């Protein structure tokens, strides 16, 4: 399968830079507490003199959400929501070692990071505008249909694995205790996105290799090289 952003998305958001990582051998018993502490400490340091809305990475996503007709304070990108929780509560929830690691890396870089179970993605995965016919499964197992034109992660079977782009991930491909093979996606729009996404990807690959003794495959995706073969 491959992962990519549709040409229309890249045309509307020319500053978009993404990273894609696949890895096999994930388990739910790994210990990532040291990594979580290290990355969340970086995030807390960045929040010491302000709020998440002051960060250039978050400002860029807010502008993108406004461009899509969404109220940025009603629909926050995933990294902003996590940073807000970290600032208010002093920590992040523990869900699964891989998710905990991805969330910690996300707040450190203030860049949305999604982890999807590849066993529940059918065929190729593309970030594109919804037709309105796709099915999105919530974490409570109810089915929604994204609004026509909404930016989603859509697979070849018409399943939506995210709504409102980086705002809300689907329960259908969520990482679970039995998950072994995953696709991790990070996306950014701010001026230094190319450098920061590359640094995030390298950090994540290093941690995945160390924690799970795995060999990830990774690439930075740009308009010139938009497709990642998983």
C-alpha atoms as a PDB file:
ATOM      1  CA  UNK A   1       0.000   0.000   0.000  1.00  0.00           C
ATOM      2  CA  UNK A   2       1.027   3.614  -0.278  1.00  0.00           C
ATOM      3  CA  UNK A   3       0.309   6.774   1.701  1.00  0.00           C
ATOM      4  CA  UNK A   4       0.080  10.189   0.121  1.00  0.00           C
ATOM      5  CA  UNK A   5      -1.657  13.573   0.137  1.00  0.00           C
ATOM      6  CA  UNK A   6      -3.935  14.280  -2.806  1.00  0.00           C
ATOM      7  CA  UNK A   7      -2.769  16.902  -5.287  1.00  0.00           C
ATOM      8  CA  UNK A   8      -5.659  19.175  -4.274  1.00  0.00           C
ATOM      9  CA  UNK A   9      -4.523  19.141  -0.638  1.00  0.00           C
ATOM     10  CA  UNK A  10      -0.974  20.040  -1.566  1.00  0.00           C
ATOM     11  CA  UNK A  11      -2.233  22.777  -3.892  1.00  0.00           C
ATOM     12  CA  UNK A  12      -4.330  24.321  -1.114  1.00  0.00           C
ATOM     13  CA  UNK A  13      -1.560  23.922   1.486  1.00  0.00           C
ATOM     14  CA  UNK A  14       1.729  24.414  -0.398  1.00  0.00           C
ATOM     15  CA  UNK A  15       3.781  24.603   2.813  1.00  0.00           C
ATOM     16  CA  UNK A  16       2.790  21.085   3.869  1.00  0.00           C
ATOM     17  CA  UNK A  17       5.622  18.749   4.859  1.00  0.00           C
ATOM     18  CA  UNK A  18       4.913  15.259   6.200  1.00  0.00           C
ATOM     19  CA  UNK A  19       6.804  12.255   7.465  1.00  0.00           C
ATOM     20  CA  UNK A  20       5.650   8.655   7.231  1.00  0.00           C
ATOM     21  CA  UNK A  21       7.078   5.760   9.228  1.00  0.00           C
ATOM     22  CA  UNK A  22       6.161   2.086   9.176  1.00  0.00           C
ATOM     23  CA  UNK A  23       7.353  -0.422  11.724  1.00  0.00           C
ATOM     24  CA  UNK A  24       6.574  -4.035  12.597  1.00  0.00           C
ATOM     25  CA  UNK A  25       6.987  -5.739  15.942  1.00  0.00           C
ATOM     26  CA  UNK A  26       5.193  -3.275  18.191  1.00  0.00           C
ATOM     27  CA  UNK A  27       4.059  -4.719  21.525  1.00  0.00           C
ATOM     28  CA  UNK A  28       1.957  -3.333  24.360  1.00  0.00           C
ATOM     29  CA  UNK A  29       4.404  -4.339  27.091  1.00  0.00           C
ATOM     30  CA  UNK A  30       7.272  -1.978  26.256  1.00  0.00           C
ATOM     31  CA  UNK A  31       8.451   0.621  28.768  1.00  0.00           C
ATOM     32  CA  UNK A  32       8.584   4.166  27.359  1.00  0.00           C
ATOM     33  CA  UNK A  33       8.406   6.147  30.612  1.00  0.00           C
ATOM     34  CA  UNK A  34      11.900   7.590  30.226  1.00  0.00           C
ATOM     35  CA  UNK A  35      11.153   8.698  26.678  1.00  0.00           C
ATOM     36  CA  UNK A  36       7.824  10.215  27.691  1.00  0.00           C
ATOM     37  CA  UNK A  37       9.459  12.185  30.522  1.00  0.00           C
ATOM     38  CA  UNK A  38      12.208  13.440  28.236  1.00  0.00           C
ATOM     39  CA  UNK A  39       9.957  14.629  25.426  1.00  0.00           C
ATOM     40  CA  UNK A  40       7.268  16.109  27.676  1.00  0.00           C
ATOM     41  CA  UNK A  41       9.986  18.055  29.517  1.00  0.00           C
ATOM     42  CA  UNK A  42      10.931  19.654  26.200  1.00  0.00           C
ATOM     43  CA  UNK A  43       7.292  20.570  25.608  1.00  0.00           C
ATOM     44  CA  UNK A  44       6.899  21.989  29.118  1.00  0.00           C
ATOM     45  CA  UNK A  45       9.969  24.135  28.517  1.00  0.00           C
ATOM     46  CA  UNK A  46       8.432  25.545  25.346  1.00  0.00           C
ATOM     47  CA  UNK A  47       5.234  26.343  27.258  1.00  0.00           C
ATOM     48  CA  UNK A  48       7.049  28.080  30.119  1.00  0.00           C
ATOM     49  CA  UNK A  49       6.674  31.562  28.623  1.00  0.00           C
ATOM     50  CA  UNK A  50       3.266  31.263  26.989  1.00  0.00           C
ATOM     51  CA  UNK A  51       0.579  28.924  25.737  1.00  0.00           C
ATOM     52  CA  UNK A  52       0.423  26.444  22.896  1.00  0.00           C
ATOM     53  CA  UNK A  53      -1.360  29.006  20.700  1.00  0.00           C
ATOM     54  CA  UNK A  54       1.843  31.115  20.691  1.00  0.00           C
ATOM     55  CA  UNK A  55       3.891  28.389  19.000  1.00  0.00           C
ATOM     56  CA  UNK A  56       4.482  28.818  15.237  1.00  0.00           C
ATOM     57  CA  UNK A  57       3.608  25.169  14.594  1.00  0.00           C
ATOM     58  CA  UNK A  58       0.193  25.625  16.190  1.00  0.00           C
ATOM     59  CA  UNK A  59      -0.407  29.018  14.596  1.00  0.00           C
ATOM     60  CA  UNK A  60       0.067  27.441  11.170  1.00  0.00           C
ATOM     61  CA  UNK A  61      -2.503  24.710  11.902  1.00  0.00           C
ATOM     62  CA  UNK A  62      -4.964  27.265  13.249  1.00  0.00           C
ATOM     63  CA  UNK A  63      -4.641  29.212  10.013  1.00  0.00           C
ATOM     64  CA  UNK A  64      -5.201  26.021   8.022  1.00  0.00           C
ATOM     65  CA  UNK A  65      -8.298  25.140  10.035  1.00  0.00           C
ATOM     66  CA  UNK A  66      -9.668  28.654   9.486  1.00  0.00           C
ATOM     67  CA  UNK A  67      -9.003  28.243   5.764  1.00  0.00           C
ATOM     68  CA  UNK A  68     -11.034  25.021   5.860  1.00  0.00           C
ATOM     69  CA  UNK A  69     -13.937  26.888   7.468  1.00  0.00           C
ATOM     70  CA  UNK A  70     -13.390  25.462  10.969  1.00  0.00           C
ATOM     71  CA  UNK A  71     -13.210  27.456  14.188  1.00  0.00           C
ATOM     72  CA  UNK A  72      -9.665  26.865  15.505  1.00  0.00           C
ATOM     73  CA  UNK A  73     -10.764  27.061  19.139  1.00  0.00           C
ATOM     74  CA  UNK A  74     -13.518  24.501  18.543  1.00  0.00           C
ATOM     75  CA  UNK A  75     -11.522  22.088  16.405  1.00  0.00           C
ATOM     76  CA  UNK A  76      -7.897  21.843  17.491  1.00  0.00           C
ATOM     77  CA  UNK A  77      -5.202  19.845  15.741  1.00  0.00           C
ATOM     78  CA  UNK A  78      -4.010  16.850  17.744  1.00  0.00           C
ATOM     79  CA  UNK A  79      -0.753  18.427  18.919  1.00  0.00           C
ATOM     80  CA  UNK A  80      -2.515  21.551  20.168  1.00  0.00           C
ATOM     81  CA  UNK A  81      -5.039  19.452  22.104  1.00  0.00           C
ATOM     82  CA  UNK A  82      -2.221  17.463  23.723  1.00  0.00           C
ATOM     83  CA  UNK A  83      -0.188  20.566  24.564  1.00  0.00           C
ATOM     84  CA  UNK A  84      -3.263  22.186  26.098  1.00  0.00           C
ATOM     85  CA  UNK A  85      -3.802  19.115  28.258  1.00  0.00           C
ATOM     86  CA  UNK A  86      -0.149  19.038  29.270  1.00  0.00           C
ATOM     87  CA  UNK A  87      -0.251  22.710  30.264  1.00  0.00           C
ATOM     88  CA  UNK A  88      -3.465  22.383  32.250  1.00  0.00           C
ATOM     89  CA  UNK A  89      -2.913  18.960  33.852  1.00  0.00           C
ATOM     90  CA  UNK A  90       0.868  18.707  33.967  1.00  0.00           C
ATOM     91  CA  UNK A  91       1.007  15.396  32.099  1.00  0.00           C
ATOM     92  CA  UNK A  92      -0.415  13.213  29.352  1.00  0.00           C
ATOM     93  CA  UNK A  93      -2.650  10.133  29.671  1.00  0.00           C
ATOM     94  CA  UNK A  94      -1.134   6.668  29.292  1.00  0.00           C
ATOM     95  CA  UNK A  95      -2.879   4.613  26.610  1.00  0.00           C
ATOM     96  CA  UNK A  96      -0.420   2.229  24.917  1.00  0.00           C
ATOM     97  CA  UNK A  97       3.400   2.462  24.817  1.00  0.00           C
ATOM     98  CA  UNK A  98       3.431   3.407  21.126  1.00  0.00           C
ATOM     99  CA  UNK A  99       0.698   6.015  21.533  1.00  0.00           C
ATOM    100  CA  UNK A 100       2.364   7.373  24.660  1.00  0.00           C
ATOM    101  CA  UNK A 101       5.646   7.735  22.764  1.00  0.00           C
ATOM    102  CA  UNK A 102       3.995   9.365  19.740  1.00  0.00           C
ATOM    103  CA  UNK A 103       2.066  11.778  21.956  1.00  0.00           C
ATOM    104  CA  UNK A 104       5.227  12.769  23.802  1.00  0.00           C
ATOM    105  CA  UNK A 105       7.118  13.334  20.548  1.00  0.00           C
ATOM    106  CA  UNK A 106       4.128  15.290  19.231  1.00  0.00           C
ATOM    107  CA  UNK A 107       4.123  17.760  22.134  1.00  0.00           C
ATOM    108  CA  UNK A 108       7.910  18.148  22.045  1.00  0.00           C
ATOM    109  CA  UNK A 109       7.766  19.222  18.408  1.00  0.00           C
ATOM    110  CA  UNK A 110       4.206  20.720  18.558  1.00  0.00           C
ATOM    111  CA  UNK A 111       3.447  18.698  15.407  1.00  0.00           C
ATOM    112  CA  UNK A 112       0.461  16.327  15.027  1.00  0.00           C
ATOM    113  CA  UNK A 113       1.478  12.661  14.998  1.00  0.00           C
ATOM    114  CA  UNK A 114      -0.989   9.877  14.133  1.00  0.00           C
ATOM    115  CA  UNK A 115      -0.391   6.145  14.610  1.00  0.00           C
ATOM    116  CA  UNK A 116      -2.581   3.717  12.667  1.00  0.00           C
ATOM    117  CA  UNK A 117      -2.846  -0.066  12.791  1.00  0.00           C
ATOM    118  CA  UNK A 118      -2.050  -1.204   9.250  1.00  0.00           C
ATOM    119  CA  UNK A 119      -4.096  -4.387   9.666  1.00  0.00           C
ATOM    120  CA  UNK A 120      -7.234  -2.214   9.669  1.00  0.00           C
ATOM    121  CA  UNK A 121      -6.393  -0.096   6.622  1.00  0.00           C
ATOM    122  CA  UNK A 122      -7.667  -1.473   3.331  1.00  0.00           C
ATOM    123  CA  UNK A 123      -5.482  -0.702   0.349  1.00  0.00           C
ATOM    124  CA  UNK A 124      -3.876   2.684  -0.199  1.00  0.00           C
ATOM    125  CA  UNK A 125      -4.348   5.581   2.223  1.00  0.00           C
ATOM    126  CA  UNK A 126      -4.747   9.148   1.002  1.00  0.00           C
ATOM    127  CA  UNK A 127      -5.337  12.496   2.680  1.00  0.00           C
ATOM    128  CA  UNK A 128      -8.059  14.004   0.511  1.00  0.00           C
ATOM    129  CA  UNK A 129     -11.382  15.788   0.472  1.00  0.00           C
ATOM    130  CA  UNK A 130     -14.338  13.650   1.509  1.00  0.00           C
ATOM    131  CA  UNK A 131     -17.194  12.904  -0.858  1.00  0.00           C
ATOM    132  CA  UNK A 132     -19.585  12.480   2.061  1.00  0.00           C
ATOM    133  CA  UNK A 133     -20.047   8.762   1.445  1.00  0.00           C
ATOM    134  CA  UNK A 134     -17.082   7.547   3.498  1.00  0.00           C
ATOM    135  CA  UNK A 135     -17.655   5.824   6.833  1.00  0.00           C
ATOM    136  CA  UNK A 136     -15.896   6.993   9.970  1.00  0.00           C
ATOM    137  CA  UNK A 137     -16.007   4.775  13.059  1.00  0.00           C
ATOM    138  CA  UNK A 138     -15.834   6.608  16.381  1.00  0.00           C
ATOM    139  CA  UNK A 139     -14.166   5.232  19.514  1.00  0.00           C
ATOM    140  CA  UNK A 140     -17.644   4.322  20.772  1.00  0.00           C
ATOM    141  CA  UNK A 141     -18.255   2.273  17.577  1.00  0.00           C
ATOM    142  CA  UNK A 142     -20.833   4.626  16.080  1.00  0.00           C
ATOM    143  CA  UNK A 143     -20.599   5.466  12.385  1.00  0.00           C
ATOM    144  CA  UNK A 144     -20.361   8.994  11.033  1.00  0.00           C
ATOM    145  CA  UNK A 145     -20.117  10.340   7.498  1.00  0.00           C
ATOM    146  CA  UNK A 146     -17.631  13.189   7.049  1.00  0.00           C
ATOM    147  CA  UNK A 147     -19.013  16.312   5.423  1.00  0.00           C
ATOM    148  CA  UNK A 148     -18.367  16.624   1.669  1.00  0.00           C
ATOM    149  CA  UNK A 149     -15.143  18.553   1.207  1.00  0.00           C
ATOM    150  CA  UNK A 150     -13.837  17.764   4.699  1.00  0.00           C
ATOM    151  CA  UNK A 151     -10.175  16.717   4.766  1.00  0.00           C
ATOM    152  CA  UNK A 152      -9.890  13.068   5.798  1.00  0.00           C
ATOM    153  CA  UNK A 153      -7.552  10.072   5.740  1.00  0.00           C
ATOM    154  CA  UNK A 154      -9.376   7.737   3.331  1.00  0.00           C
ATOM    155  CA  UNK A 155      -8.485   4.183   2.352  1.00  0.00           C
ATOM    156  CA  UNK A 156      -9.403   2.274  -0.804  1.00  0.00           C
ATOM    157  CA  UNK A 157     -12.502   0.769   0.823  1.00  0.00           C
ATOM    158  CA  UNK A 158     -14.001   4.172   1.607  1.00  0.00           C
ATOM    159  CA  UNK A 159     -13.189   4.154   5.314  1.00  0.00           C
ATOM    160  CA  UNK A 160     -12.241   7.470   6.891  1.00  0.00           C
ATOM    161  CA  UNK A 161      -9.415   7.048   9.392  1.00  0.00           C
ATOM    162  CA  UNK A 162      -9.443  10.680  10.508  1.00  0.00           C
ATOM    163  CA  UNK A 163     -11.877  13.578  10.469  1.00  0.00           C
ATOM    164  CA  UNK A 164     -11.017  17.236   9.990  1.00  0.00           C
ATOM    165  CA  UNK A 165      -7.492  16.262   8.963  1.00  0.00           C
ATOM    166  CA  UNK A 166      -5.417  16.269  12.163  1.00  0.00           C
ATOM    167  CA  UNK A 167      -8.301  16.900  14.549  1.00  0.00           C
ATOM    168  CA  UNK A 168      -9.867  13.515  15.265  1.00  0.00           C
ATOM    169  CA  UNK A 169      -8.618   9.984  14.537  1.00  0.00           C
ATOM    170  CA  UNK A 170     -10.922   7.023  13.914  1.00  0.00           C
ATOM    171  CA  UNK A 171     -11.387   4.122  16.280  1.00  0.00           C
ATOM    172  CA  UNK A 172     -11.302   1.654  13.389  1.00  0.00           C
ATOM    173  CA  UNK A 173      -7.515   1.768  12.962  1.00  0.00           C
ATOM    174  CA  UNK A 174      -6.575   2.792  16.508  1.00  0.00           C
ATOM    175  CA  UNK A 175      -3.578   1.065  18.056  1.00  0.00           C
ATOM    176  CA  UNK A 176      -4.673  -1.736  20.396  1.00  0.00           C
ATOM    177  CA  UNK A 177      -2.872  -4.292  22.612  1.00  0.00           C
ATOM    178  CA  UNK A 178      -2.693  -6.771  19.718  1.00  0.00           C
ATOM    179  CA  UNK A 179      -1.317  -4.221  17.230  1.00  0.00           C
ATOM    180  CA  UNK A 180       2.010  -5.169  15.668  1.00  0.00           C
ATOM    181  CA  UNK A 181       2.344  -3.284  12.356  1.00  0.00           C
ATOM    182  CA  UNK A 182       1.765   0.462  12.259  1.00  0.00           C
ATOM    183  CA  UNK A 183       1.908   3.517  10.045  1.00  0.00           C
ATOM    184  CA  UNK A 184       2.899   6.736  11.804  1.00  0.00           C
ATOM    185  CA  UNK A 185       2.270  10.086  10.114  1.00  0.00           C
ATOM    186  CA  UNK A 186       3.473  13.547  11.169  1.00  0.00           C
ATOM    187  CA  UNK A 187       2.370  16.693   9.324  1.00  0.00           C
ATOM    188  CA  UNK A 188       3.382  20.338   9.618  1.00  0.00           C
ATOM    189  CA  UNK A 189       2.724  23.638   7.857  1.00  0.00           C
ATOM    190  CA  UNK A 190       4.895  26.216   9.648  1.00  0.00           C
ATOM    191  CA  UNK A 191       7.897  27.992   8.042  1.00  0.00           C
ATOM    192  CA  UNK A 192      10.552  25.596   9.387  1.00  0.00           C
ATOM    193  CA  UNK A 193       8.441  22.492   8.774  1.00  0.00           C
ATOM    194  CA  UNK A 194      10.986  20.804   6.506  1.00  0.00           C
ATOM    195  CA  UNK A 195      13.714  20.887   9.163  1.00  0.00           C
ATOM    196  CA  UNK A 196      11.409  20.125  12.092  1.00  0.00           C
ATOM    197  CA  UNK A 197       9.565  17.220  10.467  1.00  0.00           C
ATOM    198  CA  UNK A 198      12.889  15.673   9.488  1.00  0.00           C
ATOM    199  CA  UNK A 199      14.142  16.021  13.069  1.00  0.00           C
ATOM    200  CA  UNK A 200      10.903  14.550  14.445  1.00  0.00           C
ATOM    201  CA  UNK A 201      11.133  11.599  12.076  1.00  0.00           C
ATOM    202  CA  UNK A 202      14.734  10.870  13.051  1.00  0.00           C
ATOM    203  CA  UNK A 203      13.879  11.076  16.754  1.00  0.00           C
ATOM    204  CA  UNK A 204      10.923   8.759  16.352  1.00  0.00           C
ATOM    205  CA  UNK A 205      12.881   6.225  14.292  1.00  0.00           C
ATOM    206  CA  UNK A 206      15.641   6.194  16.912  1.00  0.00           C
ATOM    207  CA  UNK A 207      13.177   5.603  19.757  1.00  0.00           C
ATOM    208  CA  UNK A 208      11.256   2.893  17.897  1.00  0.00           C
ATOM    209  CA  UNK A 209      14.518   1.114  17.135  1.00  0.00           C
ATOM    210  CA  UNK A 210      15.705   1.334  20.729  1.00  0.00           C
ATOM    211  CA  UNK A 211      12.455   0.440  22.504  1.00  0.00           C
ATOM    212  CA  UNK A 212      11.179  -2.346  20.237  1.00  0.00           C
ATOM    213  CA  UNK A 213      14.463  -3.445  18.623  1.00  0.00           C
ATOM    214  CA  UNK A 214      12.684  -2.802  15.315  1.00  0.00           C
ATOM    215  CA  UNK A 215      13.825  -1.556  11.910  1.00  0.00           C
ATOM    216  CA  UNK A 216      11.465   1.233  10.815  1.00  0.00           C
ATOM    217  CA  UNK A 217      11.093   2.444   7.243  1.00  0.00           C
ATOM    218  CA  UNK A 218      10.666   6.201   7.004  1.00  0.00           C
ATOM    219  CA  UNK A 219      10.563   9.104   4.563  1.00  0.00           C
ATOM    220  CA  UNK A 220       9.830  12.813   4.470  1.00  0.00           C
ATOM    221  CA  UNK A 221       7.065  13.621   1.988  1.00  0.00           C
ATOM    222  CA  UNK A 222       7.000  16.850  -0.006  1.00  0.00           C
ATOM    223  CA  UNK A 223       5.342  18.106  -3.185  1.00  0.00           C
ATOM    224  CA  UNK A 224       8.341  16.794  -5.107  1.00  0.00           C
ATOM    225  CA  UNK A 225       8.188  13.367  -3.413  1.00  0.00           C
ATOM    226  CA  UNK A 226       4.590  12.968  -2.185  1.00  0.00           C
ATOM    227  CA  UNK A 227       4.175   9.190  -1.962  1.00  0.00           C
ATOM    228  CA  UNK A 228       5.367   6.716   0.653  1.00  0.00           C
ATOM    229  CA  UNK A 229       5.294   2.986  -0.110  1.00  0.00           C
ATOM    230  CA  UNK A 230       4.575   0.938   2.999  1.00  0.00           C
END
